[in-house]
């Protein structure tokens, strides 16, 4: 039974807050995140995207490194790339070099089920292990040298 209170408005507020918290957690756990280390400049509006440094025709310096990480419930690499580009604009990068995709193991789950049948004198055990992974996209942020 749900928590009883003399004030229905208070009860409604509690239920509403729990509902909003659950929605927030679901949205946040799906969203990719980035870990950035490097310099910050004034934000930029447009950036170039490269997959190989040989394609860059201008002089540049690397201003930072970033790991784009999928949410707990998973994100597509395209969503991770979008988050990296958004962060690059915020940090003032002129371009992004995307250079590595990986699946990182962050944990494992195990389950086991043992069945005993006394009448037939038969024992059986079923076990399974699953890895919990996250998708990671690595990139460098660069600034063109004038």
N, C-alpha and C. Protein backbone atom coordinates (compact mmCIF):
# COMPACT_ATOMS: atom_id res chain seq x y z
N UNK A 1 0.83 -1.18 0.00
CA UNK A 1 0.00 0.00 0.00
C UNK A 1 0.88 1.25 0.00
N UNK A 2 0.47 2.24 -0.75
CA UNK A 2 1.21 3.48 -0.87
C UNK A 2 1.16 4.25 0.44
N UNK A 3 2.17 5.04 0.69
CA UNK A 3 2.27 5.85 1.90
C UNK A 3 1.01 6.69 2.07
N UNK A 4 0.36 6.55 3.20
CA UNK A 4 -0.87 7.28 3.49
C UNK A 4 -0.55 8.61 4.15
N UNK A 5 -1.23 9.66 3.76
CA UNK A 5 -1.05 10.97 4.36
C UNK A 5 -2.40 11.65 4.48
N UNK A 6 -2.48 12.57 5.43
CA UNK A 6 -3.73 13.30 5.64
C UNK A 6 -3.92 14.37 4.58
N UNK A 7 -2.86 14.72 3.90
CA UNK A 7 -2.92 15.79 2.92
C UNK A 7 -2.75 15.21 1.52
N UNK A 8 -3.83 15.14 0.74
CA UNK A 8 -3.73 14.57 -0.61
C UNK A 8 -2.77 15.33 -1.52
N UNK A 9 -2.63 16.66 -1.33
CA UNK A 9 -1.71 17.42 -2.16
C UNK A 9 -0.27 17.00 -1.92
N UNK A 10 0.06 16.73 -0.67
CA UNK A 10 1.41 16.30 -0.33
C UNK A 10 1.68 14.93 -0.96
N UNK A 11 0.70 14.05 -0.89
CA UNK A 11 0.83 12.72 -1.48
C UNK A 11 1.02 12.83 -3.00
N UNK A 12 0.24 13.70 -3.62
CA UNK A 12 0.35 13.92 -5.06
C UNK A 12 1.75 14.43 -5.41
N UNK A 13 2.27 15.37 -4.62
CA UNK A 13 3.60 15.93 -4.87
C UNK A 13 4.68 14.86 -4.76
N UNK A 14 4.55 13.97 -3.78
CA UNK A 14 5.53 12.89 -3.61
C UNK A 14 5.51 11.97 -4.83
N UNK A 15 4.33 11.57 -5.26
CA UNK A 15 4.20 10.68 -6.42
C UNK A 15 4.74 11.37 -7.67
N UNK A 16 4.43 12.66 -7.83
CA UNK A 16 4.91 13.42 -8.99
C UNK A 16 6.44 13.49 -8.99
N UNK A 17 7.04 13.74 -7.84
CA UNK A 17 8.50 13.83 -7.76
C UNK A 17 9.16 12.49 -8.05
N UNK A 18 8.58 11.41 -7.57
CA UNK A 18 9.12 10.07 -7.86
C UNK A 18 9.03 9.79 -9.35
N UNK A 19 7.90 10.12 -9.95
CA UNK A 19 7.71 9.91 -11.39
C UNK A 19 8.73 10.72 -12.19
N UNK A 20 8.93 11.99 -11.84
CA UNK A 20 9.90 12.83 -12.55
C UNK A 20 11.32 12.30 -12.38
N UNK A 21 11.64 11.79 -11.21
CA UNK A 21 12.96 11.22 -10.96
C UNK A 21 13.20 10.00 -11.84
N UNK A 22 12.20 9.14 -11.94
CA UNK A 22 12.32 7.94 -12.78
C UNK A 22 12.50 8.33 -14.25
N UNK A 23 11.73 9.29 -14.73
CA UNK A 23 11.85 9.76 -16.11
C UNK A 23 13.24 10.34 -16.35
N UNK A 24 13.72 11.18 -15.42
CA UNK A 24 15.04 11.79 -15.54
C UNK A 24 16.12 10.72 -15.60
N UNK A 25 16.03 9.72 -14.75
CA UNK A 25 17.04 8.65 -14.72
C UNK A 25 17.04 7.87 -16.02
N UNK A 26 15.87 7.61 -16.59
CA UNK A 26 15.81 6.87 -17.84
C UNK A 26 16.43 7.67 -18.98
N UNK A 27 16.12 8.95 -19.05
CA UNK A 27 16.67 9.79 -20.11
C UNK A 27 18.17 9.93 -19.94
N UNK A 28 18.63 10.20 -18.72
CA UNK A 28 20.05 10.41 -18.47
C UNK A 28 20.86 9.15 -18.73
N UNK A 29 20.31 8.00 -18.38
CA UNK A 29 21.08 6.76 -18.54
C UNK A 29 21.23 6.37 -20.01
N UNK A 30 20.40 6.90 -20.87
CA UNK A 30 20.52 6.63 -22.31
C UNK A 30 21.46 7.61 -23.00
N UNK A 31 21.63 8.77 -22.43
CA UNK A 31 22.40 9.83 -23.08
C UNK A 31 23.89 9.57 -22.98
N UNK A 32 24.62 9.81 -24.08
CA UNK A 32 26.08 9.67 -24.01
C UNK A 32 26.70 10.81 -23.20
N UNK A 33 27.89 10.56 -22.70
CA UNK A 33 28.62 11.58 -21.96
C UNK A 33 30.03 11.68 -22.53
N UNK A 34 30.73 12.76 -22.18
CA UNK A 34 32.10 12.93 -22.64
C UNK A 34 33.01 13.22 -21.46
N UNK A 35 34.24 12.74 -21.56
CA UNK A 35 35.30 13.08 -20.61
C UNK A 35 36.34 13.85 -21.41
N UNK A 36 36.57 15.11 -21.03
CA UNK A 36 37.46 15.98 -21.79
C UNK A 36 38.60 16.45 -20.91
N UNK A 37 39.79 16.48 -21.51
CA UNK A 37 40.94 17.09 -20.85
C UNK A 37 41.63 17.95 -21.90
N UNK A 38 41.88 19.20 -21.54
CA UNK A 38 42.55 20.08 -22.49
C UNK A 38 42.26 21.54 -22.23
N UNK A 39 42.56 22.36 -23.23
CA UNK A 39 42.41 23.81 -23.14
C UNK A 39 41.00 24.22 -23.56
N UNK A 40 40.61 25.42 -23.10
CA UNK A 40 39.32 26.00 -23.47
C UNK A 40 39.55 27.32 -24.20
N UNK A 41 38.78 27.52 -25.26
CA UNK A 41 38.82 28.76 -26.03
C UNK A 41 37.39 29.28 -26.15
N UNK A 42 37.23 30.41 -26.83
CA UNK A 42 35.89 30.94 -27.09
C UNK A 42 35.13 29.93 -27.94
N UNK A 43 33.84 29.75 -27.67
CA UNK A 43 33.05 28.77 -28.44
C UNK A 43 33.07 29.04 -29.94
N UNK A 44 32.99 27.97 -30.71
CA UNK A 44 32.95 28.07 -32.17
C UNK A 44 31.60 27.56 -32.66
N UNK A 45 31.22 27.99 -33.86
CA UNK A 45 29.93 27.60 -34.43
C UNK A 45 30.04 26.41 -35.38
N UNK A 46 31.07 26.43 -36.21
CA UNK A 46 31.25 25.38 -37.22
C UNK A 46 32.59 24.70 -37.01
N UNK A 47 32.60 23.39 -37.11
CA UNK A 47 33.85 22.65 -36.97
C UNK A 47 33.98 21.65 -38.11
N UNK A 48 35.22 21.30 -38.40
CA UNK A 48 35.51 20.27 -39.40
C UNK A 48 35.65 18.94 -38.67
N UNK A 49 35.33 17.86 -39.37
CA UNK A 49 35.45 16.52 -38.80
C UNK A 49 36.38 15.71 -39.69
N UNK A 50 37.38 15.10 -39.06
CA UNK A 50 38.35 14.29 -39.79
C UNK A 50 38.43 12.90 -39.16
N UNK A 51 38.72 11.93 -40.02
CA UNK A 51 38.93 10.57 -39.56
C UNK A 51 40.40 10.19 -39.62
N UNK A 52 41.18 10.99 -40.35
CA UNK A 52 42.60 10.71 -40.55
C UNK A 52 43.36 12.03 -40.58
N UNK A 53 44.47 12.11 -39.88
CA UNK A 53 45.25 13.35 -39.82
C UNK A 53 45.83 13.73 -41.18
N UNK A 54 46.00 12.77 -42.07
CA UNK A 54 46.53 13.08 -43.41
C UNK A 54 45.56 13.91 -44.24
N UNK A 55 44.29 13.94 -43.83
CA UNK A 55 43.29 14.72 -44.56
C UNK A 55 43.30 16.20 -44.17
N UNK A 56 44.00 16.55 -43.10
CA UNK A 56 44.03 17.94 -42.62
C UNK A 56 45.06 18.71 -43.43
N UNK A 57 44.62 19.77 -44.12
CA UNK A 57 45.50 20.53 -45.02
C UNK A 57 46.04 21.81 -44.38
N UNK A 58 45.65 22.10 -43.14
CA UNK A 58 46.11 23.31 -42.45
C UNK A 58 47.01 22.91 -41.29
N UNK A 59 47.85 23.86 -40.86
CA UNK A 59 48.65 23.63 -39.65
C UNK A 59 47.71 23.71 -38.43
N UNK A 60 47.98 22.87 -37.45
CA UNK A 60 47.09 22.83 -36.29
C UNK A 60 47.86 22.39 -35.05
N UNK A 61 47.22 22.60 -33.91
CA UNK A 61 47.72 22.05 -32.65
C UNK A 61 46.56 21.33 -31.97
N UNK A 62 46.89 20.26 -31.27
CA UNK A 62 45.88 19.53 -30.50
C UNK A 62 45.65 20.31 -29.21
N UNK A 63 44.38 20.67 -28.96
CA UNK A 63 44.06 21.43 -27.74
C UNK A 63 43.42 20.56 -26.67
N UNK A 64 43.02 19.34 -27.03
CA UNK A 64 42.42 18.48 -26.02
C UNK A 64 42.11 17.09 -26.54
N UNK A 65 41.86 16.21 -25.61
CA UNK A 65 41.50 14.82 -25.92
C UNK A 65 40.17 14.52 -25.24
N UNK A 66 39.37 13.68 -25.90
CA UNK A 66 38.03 13.40 -25.38
C UNK A 66 37.69 11.93 -25.60
N UNK A 67 36.98 11.37 -24.65
CA UNK A 67 36.36 10.06 -24.79
C UNK A 67 34.86 10.27 -24.73
N UNK A 68 34.15 9.89 -25.78
CA UNK A 68 32.69 9.91 -25.78
C UNK A 68 32.21 8.53 -25.37
N UNK A 69 31.35 8.49 -24.35
CA UNK A 69 30.95 7.21 -23.75
C UNK A 69 29.44 7.06 -23.84
N UNK A 70 29.00 5.87 -24.25
CA UNK A 70 27.56 5.61 -24.34
C UNK A 70 26.94 5.63 -22.96
N UNK A 71 25.63 5.87 -22.92
CA UNK A 71 24.91 5.81 -21.65
C UNK A 71 24.80 4.38 -21.17
N UNK A 72 24.34 4.21 -19.95
CA UNK A 72 24.23 2.88 -19.34
C UNK A 72 23.35 1.96 -20.19
N UNK A 73 22.28 2.50 -20.73
CA UNK A 73 21.38 1.69 -21.55
C UNK A 73 21.81 1.65 -23.01
N UNK A 74 22.93 2.29 -23.31
CA UNK A 74 23.47 2.23 -24.67
C UNK A 74 23.10 3.43 -25.50
N UNK A 75 23.99 3.81 -26.36
CA UNK A 75 23.80 4.89 -27.33
C UNK A 75 24.46 4.47 -28.63
N UNK A 76 23.94 4.98 -29.73
CA UNK A 76 24.58 4.71 -31.01
C UNK A 76 25.84 5.55 -31.13
N UNK A 77 26.79 5.07 -31.94
CA UNK A 77 28.01 5.84 -32.17
C UNK A 77 27.70 7.22 -32.75
N UNK A 78 26.65 7.32 -33.55
CA UNK A 78 26.26 8.62 -34.11
C UNK A 78 25.87 9.59 -33.00
N UNK A 79 25.18 9.10 -31.96
CA UNK A 79 24.80 9.94 -30.82
C UNK A 79 26.03 10.38 -30.04
N UNK A 80 26.99 9.46 -29.89
CA UNK A 80 28.23 9.80 -29.19
C UNK A 80 29.00 10.85 -29.99
N UNK A 81 29.06 10.68 -31.31
CA UNK A 81 29.74 11.64 -32.17
C UNK A 81 29.08 13.02 -32.05
N UNK A 82 27.77 13.07 -32.04
CA UNK A 82 27.05 14.34 -31.90
C UNK A 82 27.42 15.03 -30.59
N UNK A 83 27.51 14.27 -29.52
CA UNK A 83 27.88 14.83 -28.21
C UNK A 83 29.32 15.34 -28.24
N UNK A 84 30.22 14.62 -28.89
CA UNK A 84 31.61 15.06 -29.02
C UNK A 84 31.68 16.38 -29.80
N UNK A 85 30.94 16.48 -30.90
CA UNK A 85 30.94 17.70 -31.71
C UNK A 85 30.38 18.88 -30.92
N UNK A 86 29.32 18.64 -30.17
CA UNK A 86 28.75 19.69 -29.32
C UNK A 86 29.79 20.19 -28.31
N UNK A 87 30.51 19.26 -27.69
CA UNK A 87 31.54 19.62 -26.72
C UNK A 87 32.69 20.36 -27.40
N UNK A 88 33.06 19.94 -28.60
CA UNK A 88 34.13 20.61 -29.34
C UNK A 88 33.78 22.07 -29.60
N UNK A 89 32.55 22.34 -29.98
CA UNK A 89 32.10 23.72 -30.20
C UNK A 89 32.18 24.52 -28.90
N UNK A 90 31.75 23.91 -27.79
CA UNK A 90 31.78 24.59 -26.49
C UNK A 90 33.21 24.90 -26.05
N UNK A 91 34.16 24.01 -26.38
CA UNK A 91 35.56 24.19 -25.96
C UNK A 91 36.35 25.06 -26.93
N UNK A 92 35.74 25.44 -28.06
CA UNK A 92 36.40 26.34 -29.00
C UNK A 92 37.28 25.66 -30.02
N UNK A 93 37.06 24.40 -30.28
CA UNK A 93 37.86 23.68 -31.29
C UNK A 93 37.46 24.11 -32.70
N UNK A 94 38.42 24.06 -33.61
CA UNK A 94 38.14 24.31 -35.02
C UNK A 94 37.80 23.01 -35.75
N UNK A 95 38.27 21.88 -35.21
CA UNK A 95 38.03 20.59 -35.85
C UNK A 95 38.15 19.46 -34.83
N UNK A 96 37.63 18.31 -35.23
CA UNK A 96 37.68 17.09 -34.42
C UNK A 96 38.30 15.99 -35.26
N UNK A 97 39.21 15.25 -34.65
CA UNK A 97 39.76 14.05 -35.30
C UNK A 97 39.21 12.85 -34.54
N UNK A 98 38.33 12.09 -35.19
CA UNK A 98 37.79 10.86 -34.59
C UNK A 98 38.72 9.72 -34.96
N UNK A 99 39.23 8.98 -33.97
CA UNK A 99 40.24 8.00 -34.34
C UNK A 99 40.10 6.60 -33.77
N UNK A 100 39.19 6.34 -32.90
CA UNK A 100 39.12 4.97 -32.38
C UNK A 100 37.74 4.71 -31.79
N UNK A 101 37.20 3.53 -32.09
CA UNK A 101 35.95 3.08 -31.50
C UNK A 101 36.24 1.78 -30.77
N UNK A 102 35.65 1.63 -29.58
CA UNK A 102 35.87 0.39 -28.84
C UNK A 102 34.66 0.06 -27.98
N UNK A 103 34.58 -1.21 -27.62
CA UNK A 103 33.62 -1.67 -26.63
C UNK A 103 34.41 -1.96 -25.37
N UNK A 104 34.11 -1.25 -24.30
CA UNK A 104 34.83 -1.39 -23.04
C UNK A 104 33.98 -2.21 -22.07
N UNK A 105 34.57 -3.23 -21.48
CA UNK A 105 33.86 -4.05 -20.49
C UNK A 105 33.91 -3.32 -19.16
N UNK A 106 32.73 -3.05 -18.59
CA UNK A 106 32.67 -2.34 -17.32
C UNK A 106 32.16 -3.21 -16.17
N UNK A 107 31.77 -4.43 -16.49
CA UNK A 107 31.30 -5.34 -15.45
C UNK A 107 30.79 -6.62 -16.06
N UNK A 108 30.30 -7.48 -15.20
CA UNK A 108 29.76 -8.76 -15.66
C UNK A 108 28.61 -9.17 -14.74
N UNK A 109 27.69 -9.90 -15.30
CA UNK A 109 26.61 -10.47 -14.50
C UNK A 109 26.68 -11.98 -14.63
N UNK A 110 26.33 -12.65 -13.57
CA UNK A 110 26.34 -14.11 -13.58
C UNK A 110 25.05 -14.62 -12.96
N UNK A 111 24.57 -15.71 -13.49
CA UNK A 111 23.40 -16.34 -12.90
C UNK A 111 23.59 -17.85 -12.94
N UNK A 112 23.02 -18.49 -11.97
CA UNK A 112 23.14 -19.94 -11.87
C UNK A 112 21.83 -20.50 -11.37
N UNK A 113 21.44 -21.62 -11.92
CA UNK A 113 20.20 -22.27 -11.53
C UNK A 113 20.50 -23.76 -11.34
N UNK A 114 20.27 -24.25 -10.15
CA UNK A 114 20.51 -25.66 -9.86
C UNK A 114 19.17 -26.33 -9.60
N UNK A 115 18.97 -27.46 -10.24
CA UNK A 115 17.73 -28.20 -10.09
C UNK A 115 18.04 -29.57 -9.49
N UNK A 116 17.40 -29.87 -8.39
CA UNK A 116 17.58 -31.18 -7.74
C UNK A 116 16.27 -31.96 -7.86
N UNK A 117 16.37 -33.16 -8.33
CA UNK A 117 15.19 -34.03 -8.41
C UNK A 117 15.50 -35.29 -7.61
N UNK A 118 14.90 -35.36 -6.48
CA UNK A 118 15.19 -36.48 -5.59
C UNK A 118 14.65 -37.80 -6.14
N UNK A 119 13.51 -37.78 -6.74
CA UNK A 119 12.89 -39.01 -7.22
C UNK A 119 13.73 -39.69 -8.29
N UNK A 120 14.29 -38.89 -9.19
CA UNK A 120 15.10 -39.46 -10.26
C UNK A 120 16.59 -39.43 -9.93
N UNK A 121 16.94 -38.88 -8.79
CA UNK A 121 18.34 -38.71 -8.39
C UNK A 121 19.14 -37.98 -9.46
N UNK A 122 18.56 -36.91 -9.96
CA UNK A 122 19.21 -36.17 -11.02
C UNK A 122 19.45 -34.73 -10.56
N UNK A 123 20.68 -34.26 -10.71
CA UNK A 123 21.05 -32.88 -10.42
C UNK A 123 21.49 -32.22 -11.72
N UNK A 124 21.08 -31.00 -11.91
CA UNK A 124 21.55 -30.25 -13.08
C UNK A 124 21.76 -28.79 -12.69
N UNK A 125 22.79 -28.22 -13.26
CA UNK A 125 23.11 -26.82 -12.99
C UNK A 125 23.31 -26.10 -14.32
N UNK A 126 22.66 -24.95 -14.43
CA UNK A 126 22.81 -24.11 -15.61
C UNK A 126 23.41 -22.79 -15.14
N UNK A 127 24.52 -22.40 -15.74
CA UNK A 127 25.19 -21.15 -15.38
C UNK A 127 25.40 -20.31 -16.63
N UNK A 128 25.36 -19.00 -16.44
CA UNK A 128 25.66 -18.10 -17.56
C UNK A 128 26.32 -16.83 -17.03
N UNK A 129 27.21 -16.29 -17.85
CA UNK A 129 27.90 -15.04 -17.52
C UNK A 129 27.77 -14.11 -18.72
N UNK A 130 27.42 -12.86 -18.46
CA UNK A 130 27.30 -11.85 -19.52
C UNK A 130 28.14 -10.64 -19.16
N UNK A 131 28.85 -10.11 -20.14
CA UNK A 131 29.62 -8.89 -19.93
C UNK A 131 28.73 -7.67 -20.10
N UNK A 132 28.95 -6.67 -19.26
CA UNK A 132 28.29 -5.38 -19.40
C UNK A 132 29.30 -4.46 -20.08
N UNK A 133 28.92 -3.91 -21.22
CA UNK A 133 29.87 -3.09 -21.99
C UNK A 133 29.33 -1.68 -22.22
N UNK A 134 30.24 -0.79 -22.56
CA UNK A 134 29.87 0.54 -23.00
C UNK A 134 30.67 0.84 -24.27
N UNK A 135 30.07 1.60 -25.17
CA UNK A 135 30.75 2.00 -26.40
C UNK A 135 31.53 3.28 -26.12
N UNK A 136 32.76 3.33 -26.63
CA UNK A 136 33.61 4.50 -26.43
C UNK A 136 34.15 4.96 -27.79
N UNK A 137 34.09 6.26 -28.02
CA UNK A 137 34.63 6.87 -29.23
C UNK A 137 35.67 7.89 -28.79
N UNK A 138 36.90 7.74 -29.28
CA UNK A 138 38.01 8.62 -28.90
C UNK A 138 38.19 9.70 -29.97
N UNK A 139 38.58 10.89 -29.52
CA UNK A 139 38.78 11.99 -30.47
C UNK A 139 39.78 13.00 -29.91
N UNK A 140 40.37 13.77 -30.83
CA UNK A 140 41.21 14.91 -30.48
C UNK A 140 40.51 16.17 -30.96
N UNK A 141 40.61 17.23 -30.16
CA UNK A 141 40.12 18.55 -30.57
C UNK A 141 41.34 19.33 -31.05
N UNK A 142 41.18 20.00 -32.19
CA UNK A 142 42.32 20.77 -32.72
C UNK A 142 41.92 22.22 -32.99
N UNK A 143 42.92 23.07 -32.97
CA UNK A 143 42.78 24.49 -33.30
C UNK A 143 43.75 24.77 -34.43
N UNK A 144 43.26 25.43 -35.49
CA UNK A 144 44.12 25.77 -36.61
C UNK A 144 45.08 26.88 -36.20
N UNK A 145 46.32 26.78 -36.69
CA UNK A 145 47.33 27.80 -36.42
C UNK A 145 47.36 28.74 -37.62
N UNK A 146 47.16 30.02 -37.37
CA UNK A 146 47.08 31.02 -38.45
C UNK A 146 48.45 31.46 -38.88
